[in-house]
Amino acid sequence: MRMNEKISSSVSYAWNGLIALFGSISTDAYMVLIALAGMFITAFINNYWQKKRFNRDYGDEES
């Protein structure tokens, strides 16, 4: 069973573009991107738990 050539050609161009993008980025740039992703994930997790802790400690107080 063969793929339609119109679809397979588009998929091939997209795959080649993706591989070219990955190949054009240096390893130092990958390290920066991985570090940024880790920083954002850590900040999100920390924010979630700090909100949860704040609501637990001070949530029911009235001024």
PDB file of N, CA and C in Angstrom:
ATOM      1  N   MET A   1       0.849  -1.184   0.000  1.00  0.00           N
ATOM      2  CA  MET A   1       0.000   0.000   0.000  1.00  0.00           C
ATOM      3  C   MET A   1       0.891   1.243   0.000  1.00  0.00           C
ATOM      4  N   ARG A   2       0.737   2.077  -0.980  1.00  0.00           N
ATOM      5  CA  ARG A   2       1.576   3.259  -1.121  1.00  0.00           C
ATOM      6  C   ARG A   2       0.841   4.501  -0.660  1.00  0.00           C
ATOM      7  N   MET A   3       1.620   5.444  -0.164  1.00  0.00           N
ATOM      8  CA  MET A   3       1.027   6.723   0.219  1.00  0.00           C
ATOM      9  C   MET A   3       0.776   7.567  -1.021  1.00  0.00           C
ATOM     10  N   ASN A   4      -0.162   8.455  -0.907  1.00  0.00           N
ATOM     11  CA  ASN A   4      -0.405   9.418  -1.959  1.00  0.00           C
ATOM     12  C   ASN A   4       0.842  10.294  -2.111  1.00  0.00           C
ATOM     13  N   GLU A   5       1.302  10.502  -3.341  1.00  0.00           N
ATOM     14  CA  GLU A   5       2.545  11.248  -3.554  1.00  0.00           C
ATOM     15  C   GLU A   5       2.429  12.697  -3.118  1.00  0.00           C
ATOM     16  N   LYS A   6       1.242  13.254  -3.203  1.00  0.00           N
ATOM     17  CA  LYS A   6       1.057  14.639  -2.771  1.00  0.00           C
ATOM     18  C   LYS A   6       1.288  14.755  -1.263  1.00  0.00           C
ATOM     19  N   ILE A   7       0.807  13.779  -0.515  1.00  0.00           N
ATOM     20  CA  ILE A   7       0.974  13.793   0.938  1.00  0.00           C
ATOM     21  C   ILE A   7       2.402  13.439   1.308  1.00  0.00           C
ATOM     22  N   SER A   8       2.947  12.390   0.711  1.00  0.00           N
ATOM     23  CA  SER A   8       4.286  11.938   1.084  1.00  0.00           C
ATOM     24  C   SER A   8       5.333  12.988   0.736  1.00  0.00           C
ATOM     25  N   SER A   9       5.139  13.727  -0.342  1.00  0.00           N
ATOM     26  CA  SER A   9       6.081  14.776  -0.708  1.00  0.00           C
ATOM     27  C   SER A   9       6.051  15.892   0.338  1.00  0.00           C
ATOM     28  N   SER A  10       4.872  16.280   0.796  1.00  0.00           N
ATOM     29  CA  SER A  10       4.751  17.322   1.821  1.00  0.00           C
ATOM     30  C   SER A  10       5.368  16.863   3.137  1.00  0.00           C
ATOM     31  N   VAL A  11       5.112  15.607   3.489  1.00  0.00           N
ATOM     32  CA  VAL A  11       5.680  15.060   4.722  1.00  0.00           C
ATOM     33  C   VAL A  11       7.201  15.019   4.614  1.00  0.00           C
ATOM     34  N   SER A  12       7.704  14.656   3.463  1.00  0.00           N
ATOM     35  CA  SER A  12       9.144  14.589   3.253  1.00  0.00           C
ATOM     36  C   SER A  12       9.783  15.971   3.386  1.00  0.00           C
ATOM     37  N   TYR A  13       9.180  16.980   2.789  1.00  0.00           N
ATOM     38  CA  TYR A  13       9.712  18.334   2.911  1.00  0.00           C
ATOM     39  C   TYR A  13       9.661  18.820   4.359  1.00  0.00           C
ATOM     40  N   ALA A  14       8.586  18.536   5.054  1.00  0.00           N
ATOM     41  CA  ALA A  14       8.466  18.950   6.459  1.00  0.00           C
ATOM     42  C   ALA A  14       9.518  18.245   7.313  1.00  0.00           C
ATOM     43  N   TRP A  15       9.708  16.953   7.084  1.00  0.00           N
ATOM     44  CA  TRP A  15      10.705  16.191   7.853  1.00  0.00           C
ATOM     45  C   TRP A  15      12.110  16.717   7.567  1.00  0.00           C
ATOM     46  N   ASN A  16      12.412  16.977   6.315  1.00  0.00           N
ATOM     47  CA  ASN A  16      13.730  17.515   5.964  1.00  0.00           C
ATOM     48  C   ASN A  16      13.943  18.886   6.587  1.00  0.00           C
ATOM     49  N   GLY A  17      12.923  19.705   6.623  1.00  0.00           N
ATOM     50  CA  GLY A  17      13.039  21.024   7.259  1.00  0.00           C
ATOM     51  C   GLY A  17      13.274  20.911   8.751  1.00  0.00           C
ATOM     52  N   LEU A  18      12.592  19.974   9.389  1.00  0.00           N
ATOM     53  CA  LEU A  18      12.758  19.770  10.826  1.00  0.00           C
ATOM     54  C   LEU A  18      14.168  19.287  11.149  1.00  0.00           C
ATOM     55  N   ILE A  19      14.660  18.331  10.374  1.00  0.00           N
ATOM     56  CA  ILE A  19      16.013  17.823  10.587  1.00  0.00           C
ATOM     57  C   ILE A  19      17.043  18.922  10.317  1.00  0.00           C
ATOM     58  N   ALA A  20      16.807  19.748   9.304  1.00  0.00           N
ATOM     59  CA  ALA A  20      17.725  20.854   9.010  1.00  0.00           C
ATOM     60  C   ALA A  20      17.740  21.860  10.156  1.00  0.00           C
ATOM     61  N   LEU A  21      16.573  22.113  10.752  1.00  0.00           N
ATOM     62  CA  LEU A  21      16.504  23.041  11.884  1.00  0.00           C
ATOM     63  C   LEU A  21      17.290  22.490  13.072  1.00  0.00           C
ATOM     64  N   PHE A  22      17.093  21.218  13.384  1.00  0.00           N
ATOM     65  CA  PHE A  22      17.832  20.607  14.490  1.00  0.00           C
ATOM     66  C   PHE A  22      19.330  20.582  14.210  1.00  0.00           C
ATOM     67  N   GLY A  23      19.713  20.355  12.967  1.00  0.00           N
ATOM     68  CA  GLY A  23      21.129  20.304  12.627  1.00  0.00           C
ATOM     69  C   GLY A  23      21.796  21.656  12.623  1.00  0.00           C
ATOM     70  N   SER A  24      21.024  22.716  12.435  1.00  0.00           N
ATOM     71  CA  SER A  24      21.623  24.046  12.351  1.00  0.00           C
ATOM     72  C   SER A  24      21.863  24.665  13.727  1.00  0.00           C
ATOM     73  N   ILE A  25      21.255  24.112  14.762  1.00  0.00           N
ATOM     74  CA  ILE A  25      21.429  24.656  16.113  1.00  0.00           C
ATOM     75  C   ILE A  25      22.674  24.026  16.730  1.00  0.00           C
ATOM     76  N   SER A  26      23.534  24.855  17.307  1.00  0.00           N
ATOM     77  CA  SER A  26      24.762  24.340  17.913  1.00  0.00           C
ATOM     78  C   SER A  26      24.456  23.669  19.248  1.00  0.00           C
ATOM     79  N   THR A  27      25.408  22.902  19.741  1.00  0.00           N
ATOM     80  CA  THR A  27      25.199  22.213  21.020  1.00  0.00           C
ATOM     81  C   THR A  27      25.104  23.194  22.179  1.00  0.00           C
ATOM     82  N   ASP A  28      25.809  24.329  22.084  1.00  0.00           N
ATOM     83  CA  ASP A  28      25.692  25.347  23.132  1.00  0.00           C
ATOM     84  C   ASP A  28      24.280  25.919  23.176  1.00  0.00           C
ATOM     85  N   ALA A  29      23.701  26.127  22.014  1.00  0.00           N
ATOM     86  CA  ALA A  29      22.330  26.645  21.972  1.00  0.00           C
ATOM     87  C   ALA A  29      21.354  25.623  22.542  1.00  0.00           C
ATOM     88  N   TYR A  30      21.603  24.328  22.276  1.00  0.00           N
ATOM     89  CA  TYR A  30      20.755  23.297  22.876  1.00  0.00           C
ATOM     90  C   TYR A  30      20.844  23.336  24.391  1.00  0.00           C
ATOM     91  N   MET A  31      22.048  23.540  24.931  1.00  0.00           N
ATOM     92  CA  MET A  31      22.212  23.609  26.384  1.00  0.00           C
ATOM     93  C   MET A  31      21.430  24.786  26.961  1.00  0.00           C
ATOM     94  N   VAL A  32      21.454  25.916  26.264  1.00  0.00           N
ATOM     95  CA  VAL A  32      20.700  27.090  26.723  1.00  0.00           C
ATOM     96  C   VAL A  32      19.205  26.801  26.681  1.00  0.00           C
ATOM     97  N   LEU A  33      18.724  26.176  25.606  1.00  0.00           N
ATOM     98  CA  LEU A  33      17.296  25.866  25.495  1.00  0.00           C
ATOM     99  C   LEU A  33      16.858  24.872  26.568  1.00  0.00           C
ATOM    100  N   ILE A  34      17.681  23.865  26.827  1.00  0.00           N
ATOM    101  CA  ILE A  34      17.346  22.885  27.859  1.00  0.00           C
ATOM    102  C   ILE A  34      17.336  23.542  29.234  1.00  0.00           C
ATOM    103  N   ALA A  35      18.302  24.429  29.488  1.00  0.00           N
ATOM    104  CA  ALA A  35      18.345  25.134  30.772  1.00  0.00           C
ATOM    105  C   ALA A  35      17.131  26.039  30.942  1.00  0.00           C
ATOM    106  N   LEU A  36      16.741  26.736  29.883  1.00  0.00           N
ATOM    107  CA  LEU A  36      15.549  27.599  29.963  1.00  0.00           C
ATOM    108  C   LEU A  36      14.293  26.781  30.227  1.00  0.00           C
ATOM    109  N   ALA A  37      14.167  25.647  29.537  1.00  0.00           N
ATOM    110  CA  ALA A  37      13.002  24.784  29.752  1.00  0.00           C
ATOM    111  C   ALA A  37      12.969  24.290  31.195  1.00  0.00           C
ATOM    112  N   GLY A  38      14.122  23.880  31.720  1.00  0.00           N
ATOM    113  CA  GLY A  38      14.177  23.437  33.112  1.00  0.00           C
ATOM    114  C   GLY A  38      13.838  24.549  34.080  1.00  0.00           C
ATOM    115  N   MET A  39      14.298  25.752  33.798  1.00  0.00           N
ATOM    116  CA  MET A  39      13.998  26.891  34.665  1.00  0.00           C
ATOM    117  C   MET A  39      12.498  27.184  34.687  1.00  0.00           C
ATOM    118  N   PHE A  40      11.876  27.178  33.516  1.00  0.00           N
ATOM    119  CA  PHE A  40      10.440  27.450  33.461  1.00  0.00           C
ATOM    120  C   PHE A  40       9.622  26.344  34.131  1.00  0.00           C
ATOM    121  N   ILE A  41      10.010  25.109  33.949  1.00  0.00           N
ATOM    122  CA  ILE A  41       9.301  23.999  34.598  1.00  0.00           C
ATOM    123  C   ILE A  41       9.437  24.094  36.112  1.00  0.00           C
ATOM    124  N   THR A  42      10.653  24.392  36.590  1.00  0.00           N
ATOM    125  CA  THR A  42      10.873  24.531  38.022  1.00  0.00           C
ATOM    126  C   THR A  42      10.068  25.696  38.582  1.00  0.00           C
ATOM    127  N   ALA A  43      10.044  26.820  37.872  1.00  0.00           N
ATOM    128  CA  ALA A  43       9.281  27.984  38.330  1.00  0.00           C
ATOM    129  C   ALA A  43       7.786  27.662  38.394  1.00  0.00           C
ATOM    130  N   PHE A  44       7.284  26.942  37.411  1.00  0.00           N
ATOM    131  CA  PHE A  44       5.862  26.582  37.401  1.00  0.00           C
ATOM    132  C   PHE A  44       5.520  25.684  38.586  1.00  0.00           C
ATOM    133  N   ILE A  45       6.354  24.670  38.835  1.00  0.00           N
ATOM    134  CA  ILE A  45       6.108  23.751  39.949  1.00  0.00           C
ATOM    135  C   ILE A  45       6.195  24.495  41.280  1.00  0.00           C
ATOM    136  N   ASN A  46       7.214  25.353  41.423  1.00  0.00           N
ATOM    137  CA  ASN A  46       7.376  26.111  42.652  1.00  0.00           C
ATOM    138  C   ASN A  46       6.192  27.038  42.883  1.00  0.00           C
ATOM    139  N   ASN A  47       5.733  27.705  41.838  1.00  0.00           N
ATOM    140  CA  ASN A  47       4.585  28.606  41.961  1.00  0.00           C
ATOM    141  C   ASN A  47       3.335  27.828  42.392  1.00  0.00           C
ATOM    142  N   TYR A  48       3.142  26.667  41.813  1.00  0.00           N
ATOM    143  CA  TYR A  48       1.984  25.835  42.163  1.00  0.00           C
ATOM    144  C   TYR A  48       1.995  25.475  43.649  1.00  0.00           C
ATOM    145  N   TRP A  49       3.146  24.997  44.129  1.00  0.00           N
ATOM    146  CA  TRP A  49       3.211  24.570  45.525  1.00  0.00           C
ATOM    147  C   TRP A  49       3.183  25.741  46.492  1.00  0.00           C
ATOM    148  N   GLN A  50       3.755  26.880  46.121  1.00  0.00           N
ATOM    149  CA  GLN A  50       3.703  28.047  46.999  1.00  0.00           C
ATOM    150  C   GLN A  50       2.269  28.571  47.113  1.00  0.00           C
ATOM    151  N   LYS A  51       1.521  28.574  46.025  1.00  0.00           N
ATOM    152  CA  LYS A  51       0.110  28.977  46.085  1.00  0.00           C
ATOM    153  C   LYS A  51      -0.679  28.026  46.982  1.00  0.00           C
ATOM    154  N   LYS A  52      -0.427  26.736  46.822  1.00  0.00           N
ATOM    155  CA  LYS A  52      -1.132  25.740  47.619  1.00  0.00           C
ATOM    156  C   LYS A  52      -0.811  25.924  49.104  1.00  0.00           C
ATOM    157  N   ARG A  53       0.473  26.145  49.414  1.00  0.00           N
ATOM    158  CA  ARG A  53       0.880  26.342  50.798  1.00  0.00           C
ATOM    159  C   ARG A  53       0.297  27.637  51.363  1.00  0.00           C
ATOM    160  N   PHE A  54       0.318  28.729  50.587  1.00  0.00           N
ATOM    161  CA  PHE A  54      -0.238  30.004  51.049  1.00  0.00           C
ATOM    162  C   PHE A  54      -1.719  29.871  51.340  1.00  0.00           C
ATOM    163  N   ASN A  55      -2.454  29.215  50.435  1.00  0.00           N
ATOM    164  CA  ASN A  55      -3.896  29.036  50.659  1.00  0.00           C
ATOM    165  C   ASN A  55      -4.163  28.153  51.872  1.00  0.00           C
ATOM    166  N   ARG A  56      -3.294  27.173  52.123  1.00  0.00           N
ATOM    167  CA  ARG A  56      -3.461  26.320  53.290  1.00  0.00           C
ATOM    168  C   ARG A  56      -3.206  27.101  54.576  1.00  0.00           C
ATOM    169  N   ASP A  57      -2.165  27.940  54.578  1.00  0.00           N
ATOM    170  CA  ASP A  57      -1.799  28.660  55.793  1.00  0.00           C
ATOM    171  C   ASP A  57      -2.652  29.886  56.042  1.00  0.00           C
ATOM    172  N   TYR A  58      -3.018  30.620  55.003  1.00  0.00           N
ATOM    173  CA  TYR A  58      -3.699  31.919  55.182  1.00  0.00           C
ATOM    174  C   TYR A  58      -5.034  32.014  54.461  1.00  0.00           C
ATOM    175  N   GLY A  59      -5.537  30.933  53.928  1.00  0.00           N
ATOM    176  CA  GLY A  59      -6.712  30.994  53.067  1.00  0.00           C
ATOM    177  C   GLY A  59      -8.008  31.355  53.761  1.00  0.00           C
ATOM    178  N   ASP A  60      -8.191  30.935  55.007  1.00  0.00           N
ATOM    179  CA  ASP A  60      -9.486  31.117  55.665  1.00  0.00           C
ATOM    180  C   ASP A  60      -9.533  32.332  56.576  1.00  0.00           C
ATOM    181  N   GLU A  61      -8.466  33.116  56.609  1.00  0.00           N
ATOM    182  CA  GLU A  61      -8.461  34.288  57.492  1.00  0.00           C
ATOM    183  C   GLU A  61      -9.265  35.412  56.886  1.00  0.00           C
ATOM    184  N   GLU A  62      -9.969  36.136  57.771  1.00  0.00           N
ATOM    185  CA  GLU A  62     -10.711  37.319  57.336  1.00  0.00           C
ATOM    186  C   GLU A  62     -10.084  38.549  57.957  1.00  0.00           C
ATOM    187  N   SER A  63     -10.055  39.664  57.210  1.00  0.00           N
ATOM    188  CA  SER A  63      -9.421  40.867  57.774  1.00  0.00           C
ATOM    189  C   SER A  63     -10.388  41.739  58.514  1.00  0.00           C
TER     190      SER A  63
END
